[in-house]
Amino acid sequence: MRVLIETIHIAVGLIAAAAIAWAAAWSYPRATNDIWLVAYACMVAVVAMGIGPLRKAYAIDRRHMTPTPGPRDDG
């Protein structure tokens, strides 16, 4: 579940960066290429900053999914 939440956070960050870049490029057409270049760099940064929390969430989810070894009741 935590992995899903972190993935959604990354997706929302990418959507927000694209929306801001689109608005900036629309408002200043002469710099459209530069605006999108910076936007792509920001999107890479969003993904890079999301990798750490995503790995941590995966480890926590995996730890909760694996059964803990305990005494067996079959004899």
PDB file of N, CA and C in Angstrom:
ATOM      1  N   MET A   1       0.823  -1.195   0.000  1.00  0.00           N
ATOM      2  CA  MET A   1       0.000   0.000   0.000  1.00  0.00           C
ATOM      3  C   MET A   1       0.866   1.258   0.000  1.00  0.00           C
ATOM      4  N   ARG A   2       1.963   1.211   0.753  1.00  0.00           N
ATOM      5  CA  ARG A   2       2.839   2.386   0.804  1.00  0.00           C
ATOM      6  C   ARG A   2       3.490   2.659  -0.551  1.00  0.00           C
ATOM      7  N   VAL A   3       3.811   1.588  -1.271  1.00  0.00           N
ATOM      8  CA  VAL A   3       4.408   1.756  -2.596  1.00  0.00           C
ATOM      9  C   VAL A   3       3.430   2.473  -3.526  1.00  0.00           C
ATOM     10  N   LEU A   4       2.178   2.108  -3.452  1.00  0.00           N
ATOM     11  CA  LEU A   4       1.158   2.765  -4.271  1.00  0.00           C
ATOM     12  C   LEU A   4       1.066   4.251  -3.936  1.00  0.00           C
ATOM     13  N   ILE A   5       1.093   4.575  -2.662  1.00  0.00           N
ATOM     14  CA  ILE A   5       1.011   5.976  -2.238  1.00  0.00           C
ATOM     15  C   ILE A   5       2.213   6.762  -2.750  1.00  0.00           C
ATOM     16  N   GLU A   6       3.413   6.192  -2.628  1.00  0.00           N
ATOM     17  CA  GLU A   6       4.612   6.887  -3.113  1.00  0.00           C
ATOM     18  C   GLU A   6       4.580   7.042  -4.635  1.00  0.00           C
ATOM     19  N   THR A   7       4.093   6.031  -5.329  1.00  0.00           N
ATOM     20  CA  THR A   7       3.983   6.120  -6.786  1.00  0.00           C
ATOM     21  C   THR A   7       2.995   7.210  -7.189  1.00  0.00           C
ATOM     22  N   ILE A   8       1.908   7.312  -6.453  1.00  0.00           N
ATOM     23  CA  ILE A   8       0.931   8.379  -6.721  1.00  0.00           C
ATOM     24  C   ILE A   8       1.553   9.749  -6.464  1.00  0.00           C
ATOM     25  N   HIS A   9       2.364   9.864  -5.410  1.00  0.00           N
ATOM     26  CA  HIS A   9       3.031  11.140  -5.141  1.00  0.00           C
ATOM     27  C   HIS A   9       3.947  11.534  -6.299  1.00  0.00           C
ATOM     28  N   ILE A  10       4.681  10.571  -6.832  1.00  0.00           N
ATOM     29  CA  ILE A  10       5.562  10.859  -7.964  1.00  0.00           C
ATOM     30  C   ILE A  10       4.735  11.277  -9.177  1.00  0.00           C
ATOM     31  N   ALA A  11       3.660  10.559  -9.438  1.00  0.00           N
ATOM     32  CA  ALA A  11       2.806  10.892 -10.588  1.00  0.00           C
ATOM     33  C   ALA A  11       2.203  12.286 -10.448  1.00  0.00           C
ATOM     34  N   VAL A  12       1.756  12.627  -9.251  1.00  0.00           N
ATOM     35  CA  VAL A  12       1.191  13.965  -9.020  1.00  0.00           C
ATOM     36  C   VAL A  12       2.266  15.033  -9.223  1.00  0.00           C
ATOM     37  N   GLY A  13       3.482  14.763  -8.776  1.00  0.00           N
ATOM     38  CA  GLY A  13       4.578  15.707  -8.992  1.00  0.00           C
ATOM     39  C   GLY A  13       4.869  15.921 -10.465  1.00  0.00           C
ATOM     40  N   LEU A  14       4.839  14.844 -11.240  1.00  0.00           N
ATOM     41  CA  LEU A  14       5.070  14.967 -12.679  1.00  0.00           C
ATOM     42  C   LEU A  14       3.944  15.733 -13.365  1.00  0.00           C
ATOM     43  N   ILE A  15       2.728  15.467 -12.954  1.00  0.00           N
ATOM     44  CA  ILE A  15       1.582  16.187 -13.528  1.00  0.00           C
ATOM     45  C   ILE A  15       1.651  17.667 -13.175  1.00  0.00           C
ATOM     46  N   ALA A  16       2.012  17.969 -11.934  1.00  0.00           N
ATOM     47  CA  ALA A  16       2.123  19.374 -11.523  1.00  0.00           C
ATOM     48  C   ALA A  16       3.225  20.086 -12.302  1.00  0.00           C
ATOM     49  N   ALA A  17       4.369  19.429 -12.480  1.00  0.00           N
ATOM     50  CA  ALA A  17       5.463  20.040 -13.239  1.00  0.00           C
ATOM     51  C   ALA A  17       5.044  20.283 -14.686  1.00  0.00           C
ATOM     52  N   ALA A  18       4.341  19.330 -15.273  1.00  0.00           N
ATOM     53  CA  ALA A  18       3.885  19.502 -16.656  1.00  0.00           C
ATOM     54  C   ALA A  18       2.855  20.625 -16.764  1.00  0.00           C
ATOM     55  N   ALA A  19       1.962  20.720 -15.792  1.00  0.00           N
ATOM     56  CA  ALA A  19       0.946  21.779 -15.823  1.00  0.00           C
ATOM     57  C   ALA A  19       1.579  23.158 -15.672  1.00  0.00           C
ATOM     58  N   ILE A  20       2.529  23.271 -14.772  1.00  0.00           N
ATOM     59  CA  ILE A  20       3.212  24.558 -14.584  1.00  0.00           C
ATOM     60  C   ILE A  20       3.997  24.924 -15.835  1.00  0.00           C
ATOM     61  N   ALA A  21       4.681  23.941 -16.429  1.00  0.00           N
ATOM     62  CA  ALA A  21       5.444  24.208 -17.648  1.00  0.00           C
ATOM     63  C   ALA A  21       4.518  24.603 -18.794  1.00  0.00           C
ATOM     64  N   TRP A  22       3.387  23.914 -18.906  1.00  0.00           N
ATOM     65  CA  TRP A  22       2.445  24.253 -19.970  1.00  0.00           C
ATOM     66  C   TRP A  22       1.950  25.687 -19.802  1.00  0.00           C
ATOM     67  N   ALA A  23       1.608  26.059 -18.571  1.00  0.00           N
ATOM     68  CA  ALA A  23       1.121  27.419 -18.322  1.00  0.00           C
ATOM     69  C   ALA A  23       2.210  28.450 -18.602  1.00  0.00           C
ATOM     70  N   ALA A  24       3.437  28.138 -18.210  1.00  0.00           N
ATOM     71  CA  ALA A  24       4.534  29.072 -18.454  1.00  0.00           C
ATOM     72  C   ALA A  24       4.816  29.203 -19.950  1.00  0.00           C
ATOM     73  N   ALA A  25       4.815  28.088 -20.663  1.00  0.00           N
ATOM     74  CA  ALA A  25       5.065  28.131 -22.106  1.00  0.00           C
ATOM     75  C   ALA A  25       3.937  28.854 -22.838  1.00  0.00           C
ATOM     76  N   TRP A  26       2.726  28.688 -22.362  1.00  0.00           N
ATOM     77  CA  TRP A  26       1.594  29.381 -22.970  1.00  0.00           C
ATOM     78  C   TRP A  26       1.690  30.889 -22.750  1.00  0.00           C
ATOM     79  N   SER A  27       2.136  31.271 -21.556  1.00  0.00           N
ATOM     80  CA  SER A  27       2.163  32.696 -21.239  1.00  0.00           C
ATOM     81  C   SER A  27       3.354  33.424 -21.860  1.00  0.00           C
ATOM     82  N   TYR A  28       4.416  32.692 -22.186  1.00  0.00           N
ATOM     83  CA  TYR A  28       5.593  33.328 -22.777  1.00  0.00           C
ATOM     84  C   TYR A  28       6.087  32.457 -23.931  1.00  0.00           C
ATOM     85  N   PRO A  29       5.462  32.556 -25.098  1.00  0.00           N
ATOM     86  CA  PRO A  29       5.757  31.647 -26.209  1.00  0.00           C
ATOM     87  C   PRO A  29       7.188  31.727 -26.740  1.00  0.00           C
ATOM     88  N   ARG A  30       7.841  32.865 -26.585  1.00  0.00           N
ATOM     89  CA  ARG A  30       9.202  32.991 -27.122  1.00  0.00           C
ATOM     90  C   ARG A  30      10.190  32.087 -26.405  1.00  0.00           C
ATOM     91  N   ALA A  31       9.890  31.683 -25.194  1.00  0.00           N
ATOM     92  CA  ALA A  31      10.813  30.844 -24.424  1.00  0.00           C
ATOM     93  C   ALA A  31      10.283  29.426 -24.232  1.00  0.00           C
ATOM     94  N   THR A  32       9.421  28.997 -25.115  1.00  0.00           N
ATOM     95  CA  THR A  32       8.787  27.685 -24.952  1.00  0.00           C
ATOM     96  C   THR A  32       9.810  26.559 -24.846  1.00  0.00           C
ATOM     97  N   ASN A  33      10.807  26.562 -25.716  1.00  0.00           N
ATOM     98  CA  ASN A  33      11.806  25.486 -25.683  1.00  0.00           C
ATOM     99  C   ASN A  33      12.586  25.484 -24.376  1.00  0.00           C
ATOM    100  N   ASP A  34      12.976  26.650 -23.915  1.00  0.00           N
ATOM    101  CA  ASP A  34      13.719  26.732 -22.659  1.00  0.00           C
ATOM    102  C   ASP A  34      12.861  26.323 -21.469  1.00  0.00           C
ATOM    103  N   ILE A  35      11.616  26.728 -21.486  1.00  0.00           N
ATOM    104  CA  ILE A  35      10.705  26.374 -20.391  1.00  0.00           C
ATOM    105  C   ILE A  35      10.540  24.867 -20.315  1.00  0.00           C
ATOM    106  N   TRP A  36      10.341  24.219 -21.460  1.00  0.00           N
ATOM    107  CA  TRP A  36      10.160  22.764 -21.441  1.00  0.00           C
ATOM    108  C   TRP A  36      11.449  22.039 -21.077  1.00  0.00           C
ATOM    109  N   LEU A  37      12.591  22.597 -21.455  1.00  0.00           N
ATOM    110  CA  LEU A  37      13.868  21.999 -21.053  1.00  0.00           C
ATOM    111  C   LEU A  37      14.002  21.987 -19.535  1.00  0.00           C
ATOM    112  N   VAL A  38      13.697  23.108 -18.913  1.00  0.00           N
ATOM    113  CA  VAL A  38      13.743  23.189 -17.451  1.00  0.00           C
ATOM    114  C   VAL A  38      12.685  22.282 -16.831  1.00  0.00           C
ATOM    115  N   ALA A  39      11.527  22.214 -17.447  1.00  0.00           N
ATOM    116  CA  ALA A  39      10.460  21.347 -16.929  1.00  0.00           C
ATOM    117  C   ALA A  39      10.884  19.887 -16.960  1.00  0.00           C
ATOM    118  N   TYR A  40      11.532  19.464 -18.042  1.00  0.00           N
ATOM    119  CA  TYR A  40      11.997  18.074 -18.108  1.00  0.00           C
ATOM    120  C   TYR A  40      13.049  17.804 -17.037  1.00  0.00           C
ATOM    121  N   ALA A  41      13.921  18.766 -16.802  1.00  0.00           N
ATOM    122  CA  ALA A  41      14.916  18.602 -15.734  1.00  0.00           C
ATOM    123  C   ALA A  41      14.231  18.494 -14.373  1.00  0.00           C
ATOM    124  N   CYS A  42      13.195  19.288 -14.171  1.00  0.00           N
ATOM    125  CA  CYS A  42      12.440  19.205 -12.913  1.00  0.00           C
ATOM    126  C   CYS A  42      11.734  17.864 -12.778  1.00  0.00           C
ATOM    127  N   MET A  43      11.228  17.340 -13.879  1.00  0.00           N
ATOM    128  CA  MET A  43      10.566  16.039 -13.830  1.00  0.00           C
ATOM    129  C   MET A  43      11.556  14.931 -13.485  1.00  0.00           C
ATOM    130  N   VAL A  44      12.755  15.019 -14.023  1.00  0.00           N
ATOM    131  CA  VAL A  44      13.793  14.050 -13.663  1.00  0.00           C
ATOM    132  C   VAL A  44      14.118  14.165 -12.183  1.00  0.00           C
ATOM    133  N   ALA A  45      14.182  15.389 -11.672  1.00  0.00           N
ATOM    134  CA  ALA A  45      14.452  15.590 -10.248  1.00  0.00           C
ATOM    135  C   ALA A  45      13.323  15.030  -9.383  1.00  0.00           C
ATOM    136  N   VAL A  46      12.087  15.187  -9.813  1.00  0.00           N
ATOM    137  CA  VAL A  46      10.948  14.643  -9.057  1.00  0.00           C
ATOM    138  C   VAL A  46      11.062  13.127  -8.962  1.00  0.00           C
ATOM    139  N   VAL A  47      11.381  12.491 -10.076  1.00  0.00           N
ATOM    140  CA  VAL A  47      11.526  11.030 -10.067  1.00  0.00           C
ATOM    141  C   VAL A  47      12.717  10.626  -9.208  1.00  0.00           C
ATOM    142  N   ALA A  48      13.840  11.327  -9.345  1.00  0.00           N
ATOM    143  CA  ALA A  48      15.032  10.989  -8.562  1.00  0.00           C
ATOM    144  C   ALA A  48      14.781  11.152  -7.063  1.00  0.00           C
ATOM    145  N   MET A  49      14.073  12.208  -6.680  1.00  0.00           N
ATOM    146  CA  MET A  49      13.779  12.404  -5.259  1.00  0.00           C
ATOM    147  C   MET A  49      12.741  11.417  -4.749  1.00  0.00           C
ATOM    148  N   GLY A  50      11.973  10.818  -5.641  1.00  0.00           N
ATOM    149  CA  GLY A  50      10.977   9.846  -5.222  1.00  0.00           C
ATOM    150  C   GLY A  50      11.507   8.433  -5.086  1.00  0.00           C
ATOM    151  N   ILE A  51      12.700   8.168  -5.603  1.00  0.00           N
ATOM    152  CA  ILE A  51      13.242   6.812  -5.558  1.00  0.00           C
ATOM    153  C   ILE A  51      13.532   6.371  -4.130  1.00  0.00           C
ATOM    154  N   GLY A  52      14.126   7.237  -3.325  1.00  0.00           N
ATOM    155  CA  GLY A  52      14.438   6.879  -1.938  1.00  0.00           C
ATOM    156  C   GLY A  52      13.199   6.515  -1.126  1.00  0.00           C
ATOM    157  N   PRO A  53      12.202   7.385  -1.074  1.00  0.00           N
ATOM    158  CA  PRO A  53      10.977   7.029  -0.355  1.00  0.00           C
ATOM    159  C   PRO A  53      10.273   5.804  -0.936  1.00  0.00           C
ATOM    160  N   LEU A  54      10.367   5.620  -2.245  1.00  0.00           N
ATOM    161  CA  LEU A  54       9.745   4.453  -2.867  1.00  0.00           C
ATOM    162  C   LEU A  54      10.437   3.164  -2.426  1.00  0.00           C
ATOM    163  N   ARG A  55      11.755   3.178  -2.370  1.00  0.00           N
ATOM    164  CA  ARG A  55      12.495   1.999  -1.904  1.00  0.00           C
ATOM    165  C   ARG A  55      12.198   1.712  -0.441  1.00  0.00           C
ATOM    166  N   LYS A  56      12.114   2.759   0.364  1.00  0.00           N
ATOM    167  CA  LYS A  56      11.798   2.585   1.783  1.00  0.00           C
ATOM    168  C   LYS A  56      10.393   2.008   1.956  1.00  0.00           C
ATOM    169  N   ALA A  57       9.448   2.516   1.191  1.00  0.00           N
ATOM    170  CA  ALA A  57       8.074   2.008   1.258  1.00  0.00           C
ATOM    171  C   ALA A  57       8.013   0.554   0.808  1.00  0.00           C
ATOM    172  N   TYR A  58       8.782   0.205  -0.212  1.00  0.00           N
ATOM    173  CA  TYR A  58       8.811  -1.180  -0.681  1.00  0.00           C
ATOM    174  C   TYR A  58       9.351  -2.106   0.403  1.00  0.00           C
ATOM    175  N   ALA A  59      10.408  -1.669   1.092  1.00  0.00           N
ATOM    176  CA  ALA A  59      10.978  -2.490   2.159  1.00  0.00           C
ATOM    177  C   ALA A  59       9.980  -2.681   3.298  1.00  0.00           C
ATOM    178  N   ILE A  60       9.276  -1.631   3.661  1.00  0.00           N
ATOM    179  CA  ILE A  60       8.283  -1.735   4.744  1.00  0.00           C
ATOM    180  C   ILE A  60       7.137  -2.650   4.326  1.00  0.00           C
ATOM    181  N   ASP A  61       6.639  -2.479   3.104  1.00  0.00           N
ATOM    182  CA  ASP A  61       5.549  -3.336   2.631  1.00  0.00           C
ATOM    183  C   ASP A  61       5.988  -4.793   2.544  1.00  0.00           C
ATOM    184  N   ARG A  62       7.185  -5.003   2.086  1.00  0.00           N
ATOM    185  CA  ARG A  62       7.685  -6.375   1.966  1.00  0.00           C
ATOM    186  C   ARG A  62       7.842  -7.022   3.337  1.00  0.00           C
ATOM    187  N   ARG A  63       8.302  -6.253   4.310  1.00  0.00           N
ATOM    188  CA  ARG A  63       8.466  -6.771   5.667  1.00  0.00           C
ATOM    189  C   ARG A  63       7.116  -7.164   6.261  1.00  0.00           C
ATOM    190  N   HIS A  64       6.082  -6.407   5.960  1.00  0.00           N
ATOM    191  CA  HIS A  64       4.752  -6.718   6.484  1.00  0.00           C
ATOM    192  C   HIS A  64       4.090  -7.878   5.742  1.00  0.00           C
ATOM    193  N   MET A  65       4.508  -8.138   4.517  1.00  0.00           N
ATOM    194  CA  MET A  65       3.896  -9.204   3.727  1.00  0.00           C
ATOM    195  C   MET A  65       4.486 -10.580   4.035  1.00  0.00           C
ATOM    196  N   THR A  66       5.746 -10.642   4.440  1.00  0.00           N
ATOM    197  CA  THR A  66       6.370 -11.937   4.694  1.00  0.00           C
ATOM    198  C   THR A  66       5.957 -12.439   6.065  1.00  0.00           C
ATOM    199  N   PRO A  67       5.583 -13.705   6.152  1.00  0.00           N
ATOM    200  CA  PRO A  67       5.189 -14.242   7.459  1.00  0.00           C
ATOM    201  C   PRO A  67       6.402 -14.404   8.363  1.00  0.00           C
ATOM    202  N   THR A  68       6.194 -14.186   9.632  1.00  0.00           N
ATOM    203  CA  THR A  68       7.282 -14.357  10.591  1.00  0.00           C
ATOM    204  C   THR A  68       7.352 -15.826  10.985  1.00  0.00           C
ATOM    205  N   PRO A  69       8.555 -16.389  11.003  1.00  0.00           N
ATOM    206  CA  PRO A  69       8.665 -17.796  11.387  1.00  0.00           C
ATOM    207  C   PRO A  69       8.350 -17.963  12.868  1.00  0.00           C
ATOM    208  N   GLY A  70       7.609 -18.978  13.162  1.00  0.00           N
ATOM    209  CA  GLY A  70       7.229 -19.240  14.543  1.00  0.00           C
ATOM    210  C   GLY A  70       7.131 -20.734  14.771  1.00  0.00           C
ATOM    211  N   PRO A  71       6.706 -21.127  15.932  1.00  0.00           N
ATOM    212  CA  PRO A  71       6.582 -22.564  16.197  1.00  0.00           C
ATOM    213  C   PRO A  71       5.499 -23.181  15.317  1.00  0.00           C
ATOM    214  N   ARG A  72       5.775 -24.379  14.879  1.00  0.00           N
ATOM    215  CA  ARG A  72       4.826 -25.078  14.013  1.00  0.00           C
ATOM    216  C   ARG A  72       3.907 -25.943  14.857  1.00  0.00           C
ATOM    217  N   ASP A  73       2.687 -26.065  14.420  1.00  0.00           N
ATOM    218  CA  ASP A  73       1.694 -26.843  15.166  1.00  0.00           C
ATOM    219  C   ASP A  73       1.451 -28.231  14.576  1.00  0.00           C
ATOM    220  N   ASP A  74       2.268 -28.624  13.610  1.00  0.00           N
ATOM    221  CA  ASP A  74       1.983 -29.903  12.953  1.00  0.00           C
ATOM    222  C   ASP A  74       2.721 -31.085  13.584  1.00  0.00           C
ATOM    223  N   GLY A  75       3.322 -30.899  14.695  1.00  0.00           N
ATOM    224  CA  GLY A  75       3.900 -32.053  15.366  1.00  0.00           C
ATOM    225  C   GLY A  75       5.259 -31.849  15.754  1.00  0.00           C
TER     226      GLY A  75
END
